[in-house]
Protein backbone atom coordinates (compact mmCIF):
# COMPACT_ATOMS: atom_id res chain seq x y z
CA MET A 1 -10.69 117.60 34.73
CA THR A 2 -10.91 118.55 38.33
CA LEU A 3 -14.71 119.05 39.34
CA THR A 4 -17.02 119.76 42.76
CA ALA A 5 -19.07 117.63 44.26
CA ASP A 6 -22.29 117.93 45.86
CA ALA A 7 -23.01 115.77 49.26
CA GLY A 8 -25.88 113.95 47.16
CA ALA A 9 -24.32 113.33 43.98
CA ALA A 10 -20.92 112.25 45.07
CA ASP A 11 -22.09 108.56 45.79
CA THR A 12 -23.57 108.52 42.13
CA ALA A 13 -20.32 109.50 40.78
CA ILE A 14 -17.91 107.06 42.85
CA ALA A 15 -20.54 104.73 41.15
CA GLU A 16 -20.86 105.61 37.87
CA PRO A 17 -17.63 107.21 36.32
CA PRO A 18 -17.83 109.23 33.68
CA ARG A 19 -17.70 108.43 29.61
CA GLU A 20 -15.30 111.18 28.49
CA THR A 21 -14.40 112.55 25.17
CA VAL A 22 -12.30 115.43 23.57
CA TYR A 23 -13.43 117.72 20.88
CA ARG A 24 -10.61 119.22 18.98
CA PRO A 25 -12.62 122.52 16.86
CA ALA A 26 -11.36 123.68 13.69
CA HIS A 27 -11.89 127.36 14.95
CA PRO A 28 -11.44 129.26 18.07
CA VAL A 29 -14.03 128.37 20.98
CA ASP A 30 -15.03 130.88 23.26
CA LEU A 31 -16.71 128.76 25.40
CA LEU A 32 -18.29 130.86 27.75
CA ALA A 33 -19.30 133.11 25.17
CA THR A 34 -20.52 130.07 23.14
CA VAL A 35 -22.22 127.72 25.96
CA GLY A 36 -22.80 129.87 28.33
CA MET A 37 -25.24 132.34 27.15
CA LEU A 38 -27.54 128.95 27.28
CA ARG A 39 -27.35 129.90 31.37
CA ARG A 40 -31.13 131.56 32.21
CA GLY A 41 -30.06 132.93 35.54
CA ARG A 42 -27.42 132.57 37.70
CA THR A 43 -29.11 129.67 39.95
CA ASP A 44 -30.25 127.86 36.48
CA PRO A 45 -30.82 124.30 37.73
CA THR A 46 -30.34 123.43 34.16
CA THR A 47 -26.77 124.94 33.54
CA VAL A 48 -24.16 125.78 35.89
CA ILE A 49 -20.84 127.95 34.98
CA ASP A 50 -18.38 126.78 37.94
CA GLY A 51 -15.41 128.54 37.21
CA PRO A 52 -13.80 126.94 34.20
CA VAL A 53 -16.25 124.29 34.06
CA ILE A 54 -19.61 124.66 32.52
CA TRP A 55 -22.09 122.06 33.36
CA ARG A 56 -25.44 120.86 31.49
CA ALA A 57 -28.31 119.03 32.49
CA LEU A 58 -30.68 117.44 29.64
CA ARG A 59 -32.65 115.20 28.54
CA THR A 60 -31.68 112.12 26.17
CA PRO A 61 -33.85 110.04 23.95
CA ALA A 62 -31.58 107.16 26.29
CA GLY A 63 -32.22 108.86 29.49
CA VAL A 64 -31.52 112.04 31.96
CA ALA A 65 -27.59 113.52 31.45
CA THR A 66 -25.46 115.55 32.88
CA LEU A 67 -22.50 117.15 31.11
CA ALA A 68 -19.46 119.16 31.86
CA LEU A 69 -17.65 121.07 29.26
CA ARG A 70 -14.07 122.48 29.97
CA SER A 71 -11.71 124.49 27.73
CA ALA A 72 -7.83 123.42 27.57
CA SER A 73 -5.19 124.06 24.85
CA GLY A 74 -7.54 124.66 22.03
CA GLU A 75 -9.50 121.42 23.19
CA ILE A 76 -13.13 121.31 24.31
CA ARG A 77 -12.79 118.45 27.00
CA ALA A 78 -16.20 116.67 27.88
CA SER A 79 -17.39 114.57 30.85
CA ALA A 80 -20.84 113.13 30.83
CA TRP A 81 -22.97 110.85 33.40
CA GLY A 82 -26.19 108.65 33.25
CA PRO A 83 -28.09 106.79 30.99
CA GLY A 84 -27.98 109.43 28.01
CA ALA A 85 -24.23 109.87 28.28
CA GLU A 86 -23.17 108.98 24.79
CA VAL A 87 -25.98 111.11 23.42
CA ALA A 88 -24.93 113.84 25.36
CA LEU A 89 -21.52 113.80 24.11
CA SER A 90 -22.23 113.17 20.36
CA ARG A 91 -24.02 116.64 20.66
CA VAL A 92 -20.58 118.21 21.95
CA PRO A 93 -19.49 120.08 18.59
CA ARG A 94 -22.81 121.43 18.00
CA LEU A 95 -22.85 122.28 21.21
CA CYS A 96 -19.51 123.93 20.57
CA GLY A 97 -20.34 125.82 17.20
CA ALA A 98 -19.16 123.02 15.03
CA ASP A 99 -22.72 123.61 12.99
CA ASP A 100 -21.96 127.53 12.92
CA ASP A 101 -21.61 128.75 9.26
CA ALA A 102 -20.04 132.36 8.95
CA GLU A 103 -19.86 132.03 5.41
CA GLY A 104 -20.93 135.71 3.34
CA PHE A 105 -20.89 137.39 7.13
CA ASP A 106 -18.84 140.69 6.40
CA ALA A 107 -17.19 142.03 10.13
CA SER A 108 -15.96 145.28 8.33
CA LEU A 109 -19.20 146.79 7.37
CA HIS A 110 -19.61 148.23 10.51
CA PRO A 111 -16.33 149.33 12.83
CA LEU A 112 -17.61 148.62 16.27
CA ILE A 113 -18.58 144.75 14.45
CA ALA A 114 -15.53 144.48 13.22
CA GLU A 115 -13.58 145.59 16.15
CA SER A 116 -15.94 143.20 18.26
CA ALA A 117 -15.32 140.22 15.71
CA ARG A 118 -11.33 140.77 16.48
CA ARG A 119 -11.35 140.84 20.05
CA HIS A 120 -13.82 137.37 19.69
CA PRO A 121 -12.85 135.26 17.54
CA GLY A 122 -13.92 132.34 19.60
CA LEU A 123 -17.32 133.40 20.11
CA ARG A 124 -19.90 130.99 17.83
CA LEU A 125 -23.63 130.09 17.61
CA THR A 126 -24.31 127.17 20.16
CA ARG A 127 -27.44 125.07 19.26
CA THR A 128 -29.11 122.34 21.70
CA ASP A 129 -31.48 120.82 19.21
CA GLU A 130 -33.74 120.88 22.33
CA VAL A 131 -36.32 122.58 20.89
CA PHE A 132 -39.51 122.12 23.18
CA ASP A 133 -37.03 123.54 26.06
CA ALA A 134 -36.33 126.13 24.51
CA LEU A 135 -39.85 126.77 23.26
CA ALA A 136 -40.72 126.36 26.67
CA CYS A 137 -38.43 128.95 28.65
CA ALA A 138 -38.91 131.58 26.23
CA ILE A 139 -42.86 131.24 26.44
CA ILE A 140 -42.22 131.61 30.24
CA GLU A 141 -39.98 134.88 29.06
CA GLN A 142 -42.73 136.89 27.70
CA LYS A 143 -43.54 139.98 28.84
CA VAL A 144 -41.88 139.40 32.09
CA THR A 145 -38.71 140.68 33.73
CA GLY A 146 -35.80 138.46 33.30
CA MET A 147 -35.54 138.05 37.06
CA GLN A 148 -39.41 137.06 36.77
CA ALA A 149 -38.83 134.77 34.16
CA PHE A 150 -35.64 133.05 35.47
CA GLY A 151 -37.29 132.33 39.01
CA ALA A 152 -39.80 130.96 37.70
CA TRP A 153 -37.93 128.37 35.21
CA ARG A 154 -35.99 127.80 38.45
CA ALA A 155 -39.34 126.75 40.15
CA LEU A 156 -41.00 124.29 37.83
CA VAL A 157 -37.98 122.92 36.46
CA SER A 158 -36.22 121.79 39.72
CA ARG A 159 -39.64 120.63 41.14
CA PHE A 160 -40.94 118.64 37.84
CA GLY A 161 -37.95 117.97 35.75
CA GLU A 162 -35.58 114.67 36.56
CA ARG A 163 -32.25 115.50 38.85
CA ALA A 164 -29.50 115.61 36.82
CA PRO A 165 -26.85 112.63 37.82
CA GLY A 166 -22.88 113.09 38.33
CA PRO A 167 -20.78 115.69 40.71
CA THR A 168 -22.86 118.46 39.43
CA PRO A 169 -21.58 121.66 41.64
CA ARG A 170 -25.28 121.46 42.88
CA PRO A 171 -27.97 119.84 42.37
CA MET A 172 -29.20 120.16 38.90
CA HIS A 173 -32.09 118.86 37.22
CA ALA A 174 -32.65 118.75 33.64
CA ALA A 175 -35.98 120.41 32.21
CA PRO A 176 -39.11 117.94 31.61
CA PRO A 177 -40.51 116.08 28.49
CA SER A 178 -43.60 117.55 27.33
CA SER A 179 -45.15 115.39 28.75
CA VAL A 180 -44.99 116.64 32.21
CA TRP A 181 -45.51 120.14 30.71
CA ARG A 182 -49.06 119.47 29.78
CA GLY A 183 -49.87 118.20 33.44
CA ILE A 184 -48.79 120.04 35.63
CA PRO A 185 -51.52 121.96 37.96
CA SER A 186 -52.71 125.79 37.65
CA TRP A 187 -51.35 126.33 41.60
CA ALA A 188 -47.95 125.02 40.19
CA TRP A 189 -47.67 127.58 37.85
CA HIS A 190 -49.21 130.44 39.80
CA ARG A 191 -46.70 129.56 43.09
CA ALA A 192 -43.86 130.00 40.12
CA GLY A 193 -45.38 133.47 39.42
CA VAL A 194 -46.19 132.31 35.54
CA GLU A 195 -49.17 134.19 34.47
CA PRO A 196 -52.65 132.38 32.95
CA PRO A 197 -51.72 133.49 29.24
CA GLN A 198 -47.89 131.81 29.37
CA SER A 199 -49.16 128.91 31.08
CA LYS A 200 -52.08 127.77 29.04
CA THR A 201 -49.59 128.52 26.00
CA ILE A 202 -47.42 125.68 27.07
CA VAL A 203 -49.88 123.37 28.37
CA ARG A 204 -51.66 123.86 24.11
CA ALA A 205 -47.74 123.97 22.85
CA ALA A 206 -47.46 120.49 24.92
CA MET A 207 -50.19 118.96 23.65
CA ARG A 208 -48.52 118.81 20.20
CA GLY A 209 -44.47 118.72 21.66
CA ASP A 210 -43.64 115.80 19.63
CA SER A 211 -44.81 117.09 16.34
CA ILE A 212 -43.47 120.31 17.12
CA GLU A 213 -39.63 119.01 17.57
CA ARG A 214 -40.04 116.93 14.06
CA ALA A 215 -41.97 120.00 12.39
CA VAL A 216 -38.81 122.07 13.50
CA HIS A 217 -36.19 119.78 12.62
CA ALA A 218 -37.51 119.25 8.99
CA ALA A 219 -38.44 122.84 8.56
CA PRO A 220 -35.21 123.36 5.77
CA THR A 221 -34.85 126.98 6.76
CA GLY A 222 -35.20 129.93 9.74
CA ALA A 223 -38.11 131.26 7.11
CA ALA A 224 -39.88 128.11 7.58
CA ARG A 225 -39.03 127.21 11.27
CA ASP A 226 -40.57 130.81 12.14
CA ARG A 227 -43.73 129.64 10.65
CA VAL A 228 -44.12 126.44 12.11
CA LEU A 229 -43.42 128.18 15.49
CA THR A 230 -45.79 130.74 15.06
CA SER A 231 -48.40 128.71 14.16
CA LEU A 232 -48.80 127.99 17.73
CA PRO A 233 -51.57 129.69 19.63
CA GLY A 234 -49.46 132.32 22.53
CA VAL A 235 -46.32 131.79 20.15
CA GLY A 236 -45.19 135.37 18.03
CA VAL A 237 -42.23 136.45 16.24
CA TRP A 238 -40.09 137.31 19.75
CA THR A 239 -40.59 133.52 20.95
CA SER A 240 -40.10 131.98 17.67
CA ALA A 241 -36.81 133.90 17.56
CA GLU A 242 -35.92 133.22 20.87
CA THR A 243 -36.10 130.09 20.47
CA ARG A 244 -34.26 129.53 17.00
CA ILE A 245 -31.88 130.81 18.58
CA ARG A 246 -31.13 128.30 21.89
CA ALA A 247 -31.92 125.32 20.29
CA LEU A 248 -30.97 125.48 16.36
CA GLY A 249 -28.04 127.90 16.25
CA ASP A 250 -29.83 130.28 13.68
CA PRO A 251 -27.57 133.10 12.56
CA ASP A 252 -30.17 135.11 11.18
CA ALA A 253 -33.28 134.97 13.57
CA VAL A 254 -34.16 138.48 15.80
CA SER A 255 -35.90 139.14 18.80
CA VAL A 256 -38.60 141.71 17.45
CA GLY A 257 -40.49 143.24 20.03
CA ASP A 258 -37.71 142.76 22.40
CA TYR A 259 -37.72 145.66 25.27
CA HIS A 260 -34.40 146.83 24.91
CA LEU A 261 -32.79 144.87 22.21
CA ALA A 262 -33.78 147.68 18.93
CA HIS A 263 -32.33 150.37 21.40
CA GLU A 264 -29.32 148.84 21.90
CA VAL A 265 -28.88 147.94 18.36
CA GLY A 266 -29.67 151.21 17.74
CA HIS A 267 -27.23 153.10 20.08
CA ALA A 268 -24.35 150.50 18.67
CA LEU A 269 -24.77 150.96 14.97
CA ALA A 270 -26.19 154.16 14.70
CA GLY A 271 -25.25 156.12 17.91
CA LYS A 272 -28.79 156.35 18.48
CA ARG A 273 -32.27 154.93 20.24
CA THR A 274 -34.57 153.15 17.02
CA ASP A 275 -37.68 151.14 16.91
CA ASP A 276 -37.83 147.67 15.85
CA ASP A 277 -37.88 148.95 11.89
CA GLY A 278 -34.93 150.84 12.58
CA MET A 279 -33.29 148.12 14.00
CA ILE A 280 -34.01 145.59 10.97
CA GLU A 281 -33.21 148.63 8.88
CA LEU A 282 -29.75 148.95 10.58
CA LEU A 283 -28.97 145.21 10.45
CA ALA A 284 -30.33 144.86 6.54
CA PRO A 285 -26.73 144.83 5.16
CA TRP A 286 -26.15 141.22 7.16
CA SER A 287 -29.23 139.71 6.13
CA GLY A 288 -28.34 135.85 6.78
CA HIS A 289 -26.12 137.02 9.94
CA ARG A 290 -28.38 139.18 11.78
CA GLN A 291 -27.75 137.47 15.15
CA ARG A 292 -24.37 136.85 14.95
CA VAL A 293 -24.16 140.99 14.38
CA ILE A 294 -26.32 141.41 17.74
CA ARG A 295 -24.31 138.62 19.82
CA PHE A 296 -21.23 141.18 18.71
CA ILE A 297 -22.77 143.89 19.92
CA VAL A 298 -23.22 141.91 22.96
CA ALA A 299 -19.62 141.18 23.35
CA SER A 300 -18.49 144.44 22.02
CA GLY A 301 -19.69 145.96 25.89
CA VAL A 302 -21.01 148.79 24.29
CA HIS A 303 -24.40 149.68 25.92
CA GLU A 304 -27.02 152.40 25.53
CA GLN A 305 -27.63 154.37 29.23
CA ARG A 306 -30.90 153.21 30.77
CA ARG A 307 -32.71 156.23 30.86
CA GLY A 308 -36.22 155.29 32.25
CA PRO A 309 -37.00 153.72 35.45
CA ARG A 310 -36.30 150.08 36.20
CA LEU A 311 -39.35 147.99 36.21
CA ALA A 312 -40.72 146.94 39.42
CA PRO A 313 -42.19 143.05 38.95
CA GLU A 314 -45.69 142.35 40.36
CA ASP A 315 -45.85 139.27 42.49
CA HIS A 316 -49.22 137.63 42.46
CA ARG A 317 -48.28 134.73 44.03
CA ASP A 318 -50.13 135.10 47.20
CA ARG A 319 -53.69 136.62 45.75
C-alpha cells in the first residue's frame, strides 16, 4: 500500500511499523460507498479519504489507533498503527459490512431501487460499534446546516481528541471519550459554534457514557436500541436513527425529522414531495430494510431540485 505522510507522523511510522491484515469478503464491497459515508465533511479529523485509501482514527480499549483501508482485487487490505492496532484490525470486517444481512430485501419492488441495486452491488451498511462517538456527532448535527456541524465536529475533536499515530495524510484525531466530552468548558462549545441545548445534551449523555454504550449493545432490536437512546434528554428519533446508522449499521433506521430526507424519498419513489408520514408510507414495503433503500436512493444520483433559498447559517461565536 502506497501511503503519504505528514512531517509530524513520519518519525512515528518509521519507529512503529504497521500491523496488517487482508479481509476477503464473501460479497463485493464498494469501500467508498460503504465506509466513506462515515466522513463528516472534507476536513473531518477522524476520517480522511486520500485517493483509494480511507483512513480512520479511532479509540479502542487498548488505546488510540489509526486504520488505513484499501480495496484491491476483491480484497480489503488493512494497515493499523498505535496501541489499539490489533483491535482496529479486528473491526475491519464489520466496518466493511460483514454483519450486513440483506435477507428479505426485495429491490424489484421499485424500478429505481432495482436499478440502483444493480449498479451498486458493493454498497454495504457499515458499523463502527462506536456508539458514543456517533451519538455526540449526531447531537452536534441537530438543527444546523451540515457546514456548521462539520466545522464544530472538526474543532472539538481536533482540540480535545487524541492525535492519531502513523503516516496519516494530514493530522488526524480520534474522538474523545465520554469522560472528556463532559469536561469541555462552555467557552469551547461556544467557540466551536455549538448552541447550549446541544452542548448540554452531550454533557448529560456523557455522564452516562459507558452505561449508554452497554445498554445499546445489549438491546436485541433496533426498536429497543431506539428506546435506550431516546430516553436521554435532548435525544429524539432523528438523533437515535443517525446514531444507529453509523454505530450499528441498522438496516431499518430512518431519520424522521430530517430537513431534506422526506422530500428526496418522495421524489425518488413517487415523483413528488412528501412529508415524514408520506415517507414512512412509501418505505413500508421494505420494512426491515428502509435504511438500505435510502442508501440506494442516495447512490442512484436522483435528487429533487432544490426550490427554496439556501439557509444562511448564523455565527454566534463572537457575540
